[in-house]
Amino acid sequence: VLFAAIQAYQSPQNYTKLKCHDIRALSQALQYLTPPRFIAKLLYFYQLHDWFVTNAIVKIHSTERIAKELTDDFESGWIHWCNSTQTLEMVERLLVQLIELVSEPQLRVCRGTDADSDETSLEYELIHWLALHKATYSELCQRVEAMHEKVNCTRVLQRIADHKEPEASESGKFRLKHKHYVNVNPYFHKYTETEKQQVLQVLQAKAEQLVTNSLVKTKQKISKRTKCDPSKADKKKESDQLLWSSQWLTVTYSDREGLELLGTSWMAIMWNCVLHHTFVNDTQRFTPNAFAHCLRLIALAIETLCNGKISKQDKLFGQIVRNLTSRFHFRLTNGFDYRQHEEIMKNRETQRLKQASVSCSNEQVAAKIKEHLDSISNPPIQSMYHDPEIVEFLNKLELFKKRHSTVLFVLFAILEESESEREEEEEEEEEEEEEENKGRKVITITHYM
């Protein structure tokens, strides 16, 4: 029965509808729980609380093989209980759900208790269906559940859309007003993947059209030398807003509970974790989609501070600022180069292994830990010529096409080799001088005898 339910949930016919119910339930839970508790529960639901955690020690189990520990804040403390591809898909899904909860208005289960909230939610939903294409009133009714309830749909449609009168056999259709394209959110929770791509293409076409129109208007203004019309200036401002916001979401329709997620400590940890692994190019711990979702959450936080959605005296304002400053400390390196931090990483790994060895009661596991510690303290000496990258570098001498760390390594290796050769030459010269001195002493003694 459970397997059948899962199959029914994942079927194309039911997934979108059931997914909407999931988001609505999460929205209701966010209203009853505090944001820090809610986001912690959500992370535990996805089993990603250890994946995002920093400075954790891996628990040693005698029945398991000890994996080689990585040595950064976000590269230890998580036991891989499933393949990395599946885990990264869960990370992407978690970030998308957080974007939906932050950027969308409060999703209500029971409408009619707050007319203003119902109208805001209806306006938000109608904007996104009309952004795809023109639609008749009956088509919108099929899309929007709230239009069947006691909500004033006519007033909302008059505010956001233009009505095209019916022609011949065609029914009258509503077309989204130009200024409302700026509020289109590609992460709208009711969009299918196909509709998301479609709305992105619509926004891109609008942006290109605005660029073309702007160039034409600029040429006309230069030729005619006309004075600036305030109404035209407003239209240009709207065009600029749409141009810059294309494919980016806003907090225009966000509610208080959703914005408070941006001020939680877990949100800052997730930003740091994703950005760190993106920066060091660890493809096992990030995807381009996860990186894009992370940037959009950060953009929402910055917009919340800048657009006056919350006051500067608000506690949430300070929490978001703290997340973007004091808690925003993912490790920056020079061109993905670990070598400048090699000593720090070595000390950190040694400290963790020592701490793990103290709590380990299994002799076999303790022996492996000791062996690992010895290998760190006395690393095996390897010739640089065993590295294929270095061999290729020496053969082709294309310094600027290689990684910065490889180039430095080769240069240091060459310097060390030349230094060792110079030392050997000095030793040979000293030995020759000693032999000459001995010969001189013998000659001197013979001379005096």
Foldseek 3Di string as FASTA:
>chain_A
DVVVVVVQCPDPVNVLVVLVVVLLVLLVVLVVDALQVSLVVVCVVLPCPQQLAFPAFAADDPVDDDDDFFFGGNGDRDDPPDALVVSQVSLLVSLLSLCQQQQAARRDPDDDPDQVSLLLNLLLQVLQVLLLDWDDPVVVVVVDVCVVDPHPVVVSLVVFWDWDPDDDPGHIITHGDLLCLLAHALSHSSDDPVSSVSSLVSLVVLLVVLVVVVVVVVVVCVVVVDDDDPVVVVVNVSSVSSNVSRNAHENPNGDDSSLLNLLHPVLLSLLLNAVLCVQLVVVSSHDPSSPVSSVRSLVHLVRCLVVPVDDCPDPSNVSNVCSVPVSNCRDDDDQSDCVVCVVVSLVSSLVSLVVNLVPDDDPVVNVVSVVVNVCSVPPDDDDPCVDVVLVVCVVVVPLVVDGPNSSVVNVVVVVVVVVVVVVVVVVVVVVVVVVVVVVVVVVVVVVVD
